[in-house]
Amino acid sequence: MASVRDLKKDINYVLGDIIEAVYVWEYANPKTDKKKAEAIIDEAIETFDELIAKVNDRSVENKKAHLKSVSKELEDRGRSLIEKINKLS
């Protein structure tokens, strides 16, 4: 299992890249409605806050399993956000 620091970096990088992808899409499509794109950014920020809070939770009993589940959740939610970016039109 990766360290807590590495997991936090992964969360930051993955969600930061997703937000950056939305900004690139907005720049490439200046005449489209930006509300859906802004909603994806808001969801990415919310996801970041939730995952960091879960990583920092010290009350869990099995820390290794907990961090593994947070990593899996990052992967699932990241894929979901990427799919939403791909559906923007």
PDB file of N, CA and C in Angstrom:
ATOM      1  N   MET A   1       0.852  -1.184   0.000  1.00  0.00           N
ATOM      2  CA  MET A   1       0.000   0.000   0.000  1.00  0.00           C
ATOM      3  C   MET A   1       0.889   1.236   0.000  1.00  0.00           C
ATOM      4  N   ALA A   2       0.506   2.186  -0.797  1.00  0.00           N
ATOM      5  CA  ALA A   2       1.243   3.449  -0.861  1.00  0.00           C
ATOM      6  C   ALA A   2       1.048   4.227   0.438  1.00  0.00           C
ATOM      7  N   SER A   3       1.921   5.160   0.653  1.00  0.00           N
ATOM      8  CA  SER A   3       1.837   5.947   1.876  1.00  0.00           C
ATOM      9  C   SER A   3       0.669   6.929   1.805  1.00  0.00           C
ATOM     10  N   VAL A   4       0.325   7.484   2.944  1.00  0.00           N
ATOM     11  CA  VAL A   4      -0.748   8.478   3.013  1.00  0.00           C
ATOM     12  C   VAL A   4      -0.376   9.678   2.158  1.00  0.00           C
ATOM     13  N   ARG A   5       0.882  10.074   2.218  1.00  0.00           N
ATOM     14  CA  ARG A   5       1.347  11.228   1.446  1.00  0.00           C
ATOM     15  C   ARG A   5       1.163  10.979  -0.052  1.00  0.00           C
ATOM     16  N   ASP A   6       1.509   9.771  -0.511  1.00  0.00           N
ATOM     17  CA  ASP A   6       1.357   9.447  -1.928  1.00  0.00           C
ATOM     18  C   ASP A   6      -0.112   9.426  -2.341  1.00  0.00           C
ATOM     19  N   LEU A   7      -0.968   8.911  -1.468  1.00  0.00           N
ATOM     20  CA  LEU A   7      -2.397   8.888  -1.771  1.00  0.00           C
ATOM     21  C   LEU A   7      -2.943  10.308  -1.880  1.00  0.00           C
ATOM     22  N   LYS A   8      -2.518  11.180  -0.986  1.00  0.00           N
ATOM     23  CA  LYS A   8      -2.948  12.582  -1.062  1.00  0.00           C
ATOM     24  C   LYS A   8      -2.467  13.232  -2.354  1.00  0.00           C
ATOM     25  N   LYS A   9      -1.242  12.927  -2.753  1.00  0.00           N
ATOM     26  CA  LYS A   9      -0.728  13.462  -4.017  1.00  0.00           C
ATOM     27  C   LYS A   9      -1.537  12.936  -5.200  1.00  0.00           C
ATOM     28  N   ASP A  10      -1.868  11.643  -5.162  1.00  0.00           N
ATOM     29  CA  ASP A  10      -2.676  11.063  -6.236  1.00  0.00           C
ATOM     30  C   ASP A  10      -4.034  11.757  -6.338  1.00  0.00           C
ATOM     31  N   ILE A  11      -4.659  11.983  -5.200  1.00  0.00           N
ATOM     32  CA  ILE A  11      -5.961  12.668  -5.185  1.00  0.00           C
ATOM     33  C   ILE A  11      -5.806  14.050  -5.803  1.00  0.00           C
ATOM     34  N   ASN A  12      -4.780  14.761  -5.392  1.00  0.00           N
ATOM     35  CA  ASN A  12      -4.550  16.108  -5.892  1.00  0.00           C
ATOM     36  C   ASN A  12      -4.297  16.100  -7.400  1.00  0.00           C
ATOM     37  N   TYR A  13      -3.432  15.219  -7.862  1.00  0.00           N
ATOM     38  CA  TYR A  13      -3.083  15.180  -9.280  1.00  0.00           C
ATOM     39  C   TYR A  13      -4.260  14.766 -10.150  1.00  0.00           C
ATOM     40  N   VAL A  14      -4.945  13.710  -9.760  1.00  0.00           N
ATOM     41  CA  VAL A  14      -6.057  13.200 -10.571  1.00  0.00           C
ATOM     42  C   VAL A  14      -7.156  14.252 -10.696  1.00  0.00           C
ATOM     43  N   LEU A  15      -7.583  14.794  -9.582  1.00  0.00           N
ATOM     44  CA  LEU A  15      -8.676  15.758  -9.634  1.00  0.00           C
ATOM     45  C   LEU A  15      -8.214  17.087 -10.234  1.00  0.00           C
ATOM     46  N   GLY A  16      -6.963  17.448 -10.023  1.00  0.00           N
ATOM     47  CA  GLY A  16      -6.425  18.649 -10.660  1.00  0.00           C
ATOM     48  C   GLY A  16      -6.395  18.511 -12.174  1.00  0.00           C
ATOM     49  N   ASP A  17      -6.017  17.337 -12.662  1.00  0.00           N
ATOM     50  CA  ASP A  17      -6.005  17.092 -14.102  1.00  0.00           C
ATOM     51  C   ASP A  17      -7.413  17.111 -14.685  1.00  0.00           C
ATOM     52  N   ILE A  18      -8.369  16.620 -13.939  1.00  0.00           N
ATOM     53  CA  ILE A  18      -9.750  16.640 -14.407  1.00  0.00           C
ATOM     54  C   ILE A  18     -10.238  18.082 -14.517  1.00  0.00           C
ATOM     55  N   ILE A  19      -9.956  18.888 -13.514  1.00  0.00           N
ATOM     56  CA  ILE A  19     -10.356  20.298 -13.555  1.00  0.00           C
ATOM     57  C   ILE A  19      -9.661  20.998 -14.724  1.00  0.00           C
ATOM     58  N   GLU A  20      -8.399  20.702 -14.931  1.00  0.00           N
ATOM     59  CA  GLU A  20      -7.666  21.293 -16.045  1.00  0.00           C
ATOM     60  C   GLU A  20      -8.289  20.891 -17.387  1.00  0.00           C
ATOM     61  N   ALA A  21      -8.713  19.644 -17.502  1.00  0.00           N
ATOM     62  CA  ALA A  21      -9.351  19.175 -18.731  1.00  0.00           C
ATOM     63  C   ALA A  21     -10.645  19.938 -18.998  1.00  0.00           C
ATOM     64  N   VAL A  22     -11.379  20.247 -17.946  1.00  0.00           N
ATOM     65  CA  VAL A  22     -12.617  21.031 -18.115  1.00  0.00           C
ATOM     66  C   VAL A  22     -12.275  22.433 -18.604  1.00  0.00           C
ATOM     67  N   TYR A  23     -11.235  23.032 -18.033  1.00  0.00           N
ATOM     68  CA  TYR A  23     -10.833  24.371 -18.477  1.00  0.00           C
ATOM     69  C   TYR A  23     -10.389  24.359 -19.936  1.00  0.00           C
ATOM     70  N   VAL A  24      -9.677  23.314 -20.346  1.00  0.00           N
ATOM     71  CA  VAL A  24      -9.266  23.194 -21.741  1.00  0.00           C
ATOM     72  C   VAL A  24     -10.495  23.081 -22.635  1.00  0.00           C
ATOM     73  N   TRP A  25     -11.472  22.276 -22.210  1.00  0.00           N
ATOM     74  CA  TRP A  25     -12.701  22.140 -22.989  1.00  0.00           C
ATOM     75  C   TRP A  25     -13.409  23.483 -23.101  1.00  0.00           C
ATOM     76  N   GLU A  26     -13.497  24.219 -21.998  1.00  0.00           N
ATOM     77  CA  GLU A  26     -14.144  25.532 -22.029  1.00  0.00           C
ATOM     78  C   GLU A  26     -13.409  26.475 -22.975  1.00  0.00           C
ATOM     79  N   TYR A  27     -12.098  26.436 -22.969  1.00  0.00           N
ATOM     80  CA  TYR A  27     -11.306  27.305 -23.841  1.00  0.00           C
ATOM     81  C   TYR A  27     -11.517  26.927 -25.311  1.00  0.00           C
ATOM     82  N   ALA A  28     -11.619  25.639 -25.598  1.00  0.00           N
ATOM     83  CA  ALA A  28     -11.811  25.167 -26.968  1.00  0.00           C
ATOM     84  C   ALA A  28     -13.236  25.377 -27.463  1.00  0.00           C
ATOM     85  N   ASN A  29     -14.180  25.553 -26.551  1.00  0.00           N
ATOM     86  CA  ASN A  29     -15.589  25.732 -26.910  1.00  0.00           C
ATOM     87  C   ASN A  29     -16.135  27.000 -26.262  1.00  0.00           C
ATOM     88  N   PRO A  30     -15.681  28.165 -26.725  1.00  0.00           N
ATOM     89  CA  PRO A  30     -16.057  29.408 -26.033  1.00  0.00           C
ATOM     90  C   PRO A  30     -17.526  29.798 -26.172  1.00  0.00           C
ATOM     91  N   LYS A  31     -18.219  29.271 -27.170  1.00  0.00           N
ATOM     92  CA  LYS A  31     -19.601  29.698 -27.398  1.00  0.00           C
ATOM     93  C   LYS A  31     -20.635  28.762 -26.787  1.00  0.00           C
ATOM     94  N   THR A  32     -20.200  27.733 -26.087  1.00  0.00           N
ATOM     95  CA  THR A  32     -21.144  26.790 -25.495  1.00  0.00           C
ATOM     96  C   THR A  32     -21.491  27.207 -24.065  1.00  0.00           C
ATOM     97  N   ASP A  33     -22.596  26.648 -23.584  1.00  0.00           N
ATOM     98  CA  ASP A  33     -23.031  26.920 -22.221  1.00  0.00           C
ATOM     99  C   ASP A  33     -22.063  26.261 -21.240  1.00  0.00           C
ATOM    100  N   LYS A  34     -21.607  27.008 -20.280  1.00  0.00           N
ATOM    101  CA  LYS A  34     -20.566  26.543 -19.364  1.00  0.00           C
ATOM    102  C   LYS A  34     -21.121  25.940 -18.058  1.00  0.00           C
ATOM    103  N   LYS A  35     -22.428  25.892 -17.901  1.00  0.00           N
ATOM    104  CA  LYS A  35     -23.002  25.426 -16.633  1.00  0.00           C
ATOM    105  C   LYS A  35     -22.658  23.969 -16.341  1.00  0.00           C
ATOM    106  N   LYS A  36     -22.712  23.114 -17.358  1.00  0.00           N
ATOM    107  CA  LYS A  36     -22.381  21.703 -17.136  1.00  0.00           C
ATOM    108  C   LYS A  36     -20.910  21.542 -16.779  1.00  0.00           C
ATOM    109  N   ALA A  37     -20.048  22.312 -17.434  1.00  0.00           N
ATOM    110  CA  ALA A  37     -18.614  22.249 -17.151  1.00  0.00           C
ATOM    111  C   ALA A  37     -18.336  22.734 -15.730  1.00  0.00           C
ATOM    112  N   GLU A  38     -18.985  23.795 -15.327  1.00  0.00           N
ATOM    113  CA  GLU A  38     -18.798  24.314 -13.972  1.00  0.00           C
ATOM    114  C   GLU A  38     -19.285  23.309 -12.929  1.00  0.00           C
ATOM    115  N   ALA A  39     -20.343  22.574 -13.259  1.00  0.00           N
ATOM    116  CA  ALA A  39     -20.851  21.549 -12.343  1.00  0.00           C
ATOM    117  C   ALA A  39     -19.824  20.424 -12.167  1.00  0.00           C
ATOM    118  N   ILE A  40     -19.110  20.085 -13.239  1.00  0.00           N
ATOM    119  CA  ILE A  40     -18.078  19.048 -13.142  1.00  0.00           C
ATOM    120  C   ILE A  40     -16.938  19.533 -12.251  1.00  0.00           C
ATOM    121  N   ILE A  41     -16.550  20.799 -12.404  1.00  0.00           N
ATOM    122  CA  ILE A  41     -15.495  21.365 -11.556  1.00  0.00           C
ATOM    123  C   ILE A  41     -15.928  21.355 -10.100  1.00  0.00           C
ATOM    124  N   ASP A  42     -17.159  21.759  -9.844  1.00  0.00           N
ATOM    125  CA  ASP A  42     -17.674  21.750  -8.471  1.00  0.00           C
ATOM    126  C   ASP A  42     -17.673  20.343  -7.889  1.00  0.00           C
ATOM    127  N   GLU A  43     -18.064  19.361  -8.700  1.00  0.00           N
ATOM    128  CA  GLU A  43     -18.083  17.979  -8.235  1.00  0.00           C
ATOM    129  C   GLU A  43     -16.663  17.479  -7.948  1.00  0.00           C
ATOM    130  N   ALA A  44     -15.704  17.882  -8.778  1.00  0.00           N
ATOM    131  CA  ALA A  44     -14.309  17.476  -8.559  1.00  0.00           C
ATOM    132  C   ALA A  44     -13.773  18.068  -7.255  1.00  0.00           C
ATOM    133  N   ILE A  45     -14.107  19.310  -6.991  1.00  0.00           N
ATOM    134  CA  ILE A  45     -13.659  19.954  -5.750  1.00  0.00           C
ATOM    135  C   ILE A  45     -14.303  19.281  -4.542  1.00  0.00           C
ATOM    136  N   GLU A  46     -15.576  18.982  -4.664  1.00  0.00           N
ATOM    137  CA  GLU A  46     -16.292  18.300  -3.582  1.00  0.00           C
ATOM    138  C   GLU A  46     -15.688  16.913  -3.339  1.00  0.00           C
ATOM    139  N   THR A  47     -15.379  16.208  -4.410  1.00  0.00           N
ATOM    140  CA  THR A  47     -14.758  14.889  -4.307  1.00  0.00           C
ATOM    141  C   THR A  47     -13.401  14.995  -3.616  1.00  0.00           C
ATOM    142  N   PHE A  48     -12.619  16.007  -3.992  1.00  0.00           N
ATOM    143  CA  PHE A  48     -11.315  16.231  -3.366  1.00  0.00           C
ATOM    144  C   PHE A  48     -11.474  16.399  -1.854  1.00  0.00           C
ATOM    145  N   ASP A  49     -12.391  17.272  -1.462  1.00  0.00           N
ATOM    146  CA  ASP A  49     -12.598  17.530  -0.033  1.00  0.00           C
ATOM    147  C   ASP A  49     -13.000  16.257   0.721  1.00  0.00           C
ATOM    148  N   GLU A  50     -13.910  15.482   0.121  1.00  0.00           N
ATOM    149  CA  GLU A  50     -14.382  14.261   0.777  1.00  0.00           C
ATOM    150  C   GLU A  50     -13.268  13.224   0.913  1.00  0.00           C
ATOM    151  N   LEU A  51     -12.492  13.046  -0.155  1.00  0.00           N
ATOM    152  CA  LEU A  51     -11.444  12.026  -0.114  1.00  0.00           C
ATOM    153  C   LEU A  51     -10.314  12.404   0.842  1.00  0.00           C
ATOM    154  N   ILE A  52      -9.940  13.669   0.863  1.00  0.00           N
ATOM    155  CA  ILE A  52      -8.891  14.102   1.798  1.00  0.00           C
ATOM    156  C   ILE A  52      -9.378  13.920   3.238  1.00  0.00           C
ATOM    157  N   ALA A  53     -10.643  14.217   3.487  1.00  0.00           N
ATOM    158  CA  ALA A  53     -11.195  14.023   4.832  1.00  0.00           C
ATOM    159  C   ALA A  53     -11.148  12.544   5.217  1.00  0.00           C
ATOM    160  N   LYS A  54     -11.441  11.663   4.255  1.00  0.00           N
ATOM    161  CA  LYS A  54     -11.389  10.227   4.543  1.00  0.00           C
ATOM    162  C   LYS A  54      -9.957   9.766   4.815  1.00  0.00           C
ATOM    163  N   VAL A  55      -9.004  10.293   4.065  1.00  0.00           N
ATOM    164  CA  VAL A  55      -7.598   9.918   4.280  1.00  0.00           C
ATOM    165  C   VAL A  55      -7.147  10.372   5.666  1.00  0.00           C
ATOM    166  N   ASN A  56      -7.585  11.536   6.084  1.00  0.00           N
ATOM    167  CA  ASN A  56      -7.168  12.094   7.372  1.00  0.00           C
ATOM    168  C   ASN A  56      -7.925  11.512   8.563  1.00  0.00           C
ATOM    169  N   ASP A  57      -8.933  10.686   8.317  1.00  0.00           N
ATOM    170  CA  ASP A  57      -9.718  10.089   9.395  1.00  0.00           C
ATOM    171  C   ASP A  57      -8.849   9.104  10.176  1.00  0.00           C
ATOM    172  N   ARG A  58      -8.587   9.418  11.419  1.00  0.00           N
ATOM    173  CA  ARG A  58      -7.717   8.577  12.245  1.00  0.00           C
ATOM    174  C   ARG A  58      -8.498   7.575  13.102  1.00  0.00           C
ATOM    175  N   SER A  59      -9.815   7.581  12.996  1.00  0.00           N
ATOM    176  CA  SER A  59     -10.611   6.693  13.844  1.00  0.00           C
ATOM    177  C   SER A  59     -10.864   5.326  13.213  1.00  0.00           C
ATOM    178  N   VAL A  60     -10.298   5.048  12.050  1.00  0.00           N
ATOM    179  CA  VAL A  60     -10.527   3.754  11.406  1.00  0.00           C
ATOM    180  C   VAL A  60      -9.693   2.682  12.090  1.00  0.00           C
ATOM    181  N   GLU A  61     -10.210   1.473  12.060  1.00  0.00           N
ATOM    182  CA  GLU A  61      -9.516   0.372  12.730  1.00  0.00           C
ATOM    183  C   GLU A  61      -8.459  -0.260  11.833  1.00  0.00           C
ATOM    184  N   ASN A  62      -8.819  -0.552  10.603  1.00  0.00           N
ATOM    185  CA  ASN A  62      -7.874  -1.174   9.679  1.00  0.00           C
ATOM    186  C   ASN A  62      -7.450  -0.106   8.665  1.00  0.00           C
ATOM    187  N   LYS A  63      -6.362   0.579   8.953  1.00  0.00           N
ATOM    188  CA  LYS A  63      -5.933   1.718   8.138  1.00  0.00           C
ATOM    189  C   LYS A  63      -5.583   1.296   6.716  1.00  0.00           C
ATOM    190  N   LYS A  64      -4.936   0.166   6.556  1.00  0.00           N
ATOM    191  CA  LYS A  64      -4.532  -0.298   5.228  1.00  0.00           C
ATOM    192  C   LYS A  64      -5.756  -0.524   4.332  1.00  0.00           C
ATOM    193  N   ALA A  65      -6.756  -1.196   4.854  1.00  0.00           N
ATOM    194  CA  ALA A  65      -7.980  -1.446   4.084  1.00  0.00           C
ATOM    195  C   ALA A  65      -8.718  -0.141   3.808  1.00  0.00           C
ATOM    196  N   HIS A  66      -8.718   0.746   4.773  1.00  0.00           N
ATOM    197  CA  HIS A  66      -9.386   2.038   4.612  1.00  0.00           C
ATOM    198  C   HIS A  66      -8.736   2.842   3.486  1.00  0.00           C
ATOM    199  N   LEU A  67      -7.417   2.916   3.485  1.00  0.00           N
ATOM    200  CA  LEU A  67      -6.721   3.682   2.450  1.00  0.00           C
ATOM    201  C   LEU A  67      -6.896   3.031   1.079  1.00  0.00           C
ATOM    202  N   LYS A  68      -6.967   1.722   1.057  1.00  0.00           N
ATOM    203  CA  LYS A  68      -7.193   1.010  -0.205  1.00  0.00           C
ATOM    204  C   LYS A  68      -8.584   1.331  -0.747  1.00  0.00           C
ATOM    205  N   SER A  69      -9.568   1.437   0.133  1.00  0.00           N
ATOM    206  CA  SER A  69     -10.922   1.765  -0.310  1.00  0.00           C
ATOM    207  C   SER A  69     -10.997   3.219  -0.788  1.00  0.00           C
ATOM    208  N   VAL A  70     -10.236   4.107  -0.159  1.00  0.00           N
ATOM    209  CA  VAL A  70     -10.195   5.502  -0.609  1.00  0.00           C
ATOM    210  C   VAL A  70      -9.563   5.573  -1.991  1.00  0.00           C
ATOM    211  N   SER A  71      -8.506   4.803  -2.215  1.00  0.00           N
ATOM    212  CA  SER A  71      -7.856   4.761  -3.520  1.00  0.00           C
ATOM    213  C   SER A  71      -8.814   4.249  -4.595  1.00  0.00           C
ATOM    214  N   LYS A  72      -9.558   3.218  -4.267  1.00  0.00           N
ATOM    215  CA  LYS A  72     -10.548   2.660  -5.201  1.00  0.00           C
ATOM    216  C   LYS A  72     -11.638   3.686  -5.485  1.00  0.00           C
ATOM    217  N   GLU A  73     -12.082   4.401  -4.458  1.00  0.00           N
ATOM    218  CA  GLU A  73     -13.107   5.426  -4.638  1.00  0.00           C
ATOM    219  C   GLU A  73     -12.592   6.554  -5.536  1.00  0.00           C
ATOM    220  N   LEU A  74     -11.331   6.923  -5.379  1.00  0.00           N
ATOM    221  CA  LEU A  74     -10.728   7.941  -6.239  1.00  0.00           C
ATOM    222  C   LEU A  74     -10.778   7.482  -7.695  1.00  0.00           C
ATOM    223  N   GLU A  75     -10.422   6.248  -7.924  1.00  0.00           N
ATOM    224  CA  GLU A  75     -10.427   5.707  -9.281  1.00  0.00           C
ATOM    225  C   GLU A  75     -11.838   5.725  -9.873  1.00  0.00           C
ATOM    226  N   ASP A  76     -12.821   5.275  -9.115  1.00  0.00           N
ATOM    227  CA  ASP A  76     -14.201   5.220  -9.597  1.00  0.00           C
ATOM    228  C   ASP A  76     -14.765   6.611  -9.865  1.00  0.00           C
ATOM    229  N   ARG A  77     -14.582   7.510  -8.912  1.00  0.00           N
ATOM    230  CA  ARG A  77     -15.132   8.855  -9.073  1.00  0.00           C
ATOM    231  C   ARG A  77     -14.391   9.633 -10.153  1.00  0.00           C
ATOM    232  N   GLY A  78     -13.094   9.377 -10.299  1.00  0.00           N
ATOM    233  CA  GLY A  78     -12.327  10.009 -11.365  1.00  0.00           C
ATOM    234  C   GLY A  78     -12.822   9.578 -12.731  1.00  0.00           C
ATOM    235  N   ARG A  79     -13.072   8.287 -12.885  1.00  0.00           N
ATOM    236  CA  ARG A  79     -13.617   7.786 -14.157  1.00  0.00           C
ATOM    237  C   ARG A  79     -14.973   8.405 -14.456  1.00  0.00           C
ATOM    238  N   SER A  80     -15.799   8.515 -13.442  1.00  0.00           N
ATOM    239  CA  SER A  80     -17.120   9.110 -13.615  1.00  0.00           C
ATOM    240  C   SER A  80     -17.011  10.553 -14.104  1.00  0.00           C
ATOM    241  N   LEU A  81     -16.102  11.315 -13.508  1.00  0.00           N
ATOM    242  CA  LEU A  81     -15.915  12.707 -13.920  1.00  0.00           C
ATOM    243  C   LEU A  81     -15.373  12.794 -15.347  1.00  0.00           C
ATOM    244  N   ILE A  82     -14.463  11.904 -15.699  1.00  0.00           N
ATOM    245  CA  ILE A  82     -13.920  11.906 -17.061  1.00  0.00           C
ATOM    246  C   ILE A  82     -15.004  11.590 -18.075  1.00  0.00           C
ATOM    247  N   GLU A  83     -15.885  10.647 -17.745  1.00  0.00           N
ATOM    248  CA  GLU A  83     -16.995  10.335 -18.638  1.00  0.00           C
ATOM    249  C   GLU A  83     -17.902  11.544 -18.834  1.00  0.00           C
ATOM    250  N   LYS A  84     -18.110  12.300 -17.762  1.00  0.00           N
ATOM    251  CA  LYS A  84     -18.930  13.511 -17.873  1.00  0.00           C
ATOM    252  C   LYS A  84     -18.265  14.548 -18.764  1.00  0.00           C
ATOM    253  N   ILE A  85     -16.935  14.667 -18.675  1.00  0.00           N
ATOM    254  CA  ILE A  85     -16.215  15.599 -19.544  1.00  0.00           C
ATOM    255  C   ILE A  85     -16.366  15.176 -21.000  1.00  0.00           C
ATOM    256  N   ASN A  86     -16.257  13.881 -21.252  1.00  0.00           N
ATOM    257  CA  ASN A  86     -16.367  13.375 -22.612  1.00  0.00           C
ATOM    258  C   ASN A  86     -17.759  13.584 -23.198  1.00  0.00           C
ATOM    259  N   LYS A  87     -18.770  13.690 -22.358  1.00  0.00           N
ATOM    260  CA  LYS A  87     -20.146  13.897 -22.831  1.00  0.00           C
ATOM    261  C   LYS A  87     -20.497  15.362 -23.048  1.00  0.00           C
ATOM    262  N   LEU A  88     -19.614  16.271 -22.642  1.00  0.00           N
ATOM    263  CA  LEU A  88     -19.895  17.684 -22.846  1.00  0.00           C
ATOM    264  C   LEU A  88     -19.996  17.985 -24.334  1.00  0.00           C
ATOM    265  N   SER A  89     -20.947  18.862 -24.671  1.00  0.00           N
ATOM    266  CA  SER A  89     -21.076  19.242 -26.089  1.00  0.00           C
ATOM    267  C   SER A  89     -21.463  20.690 -26.219  1.00  0.00           C
TER     268      SER A  89
END
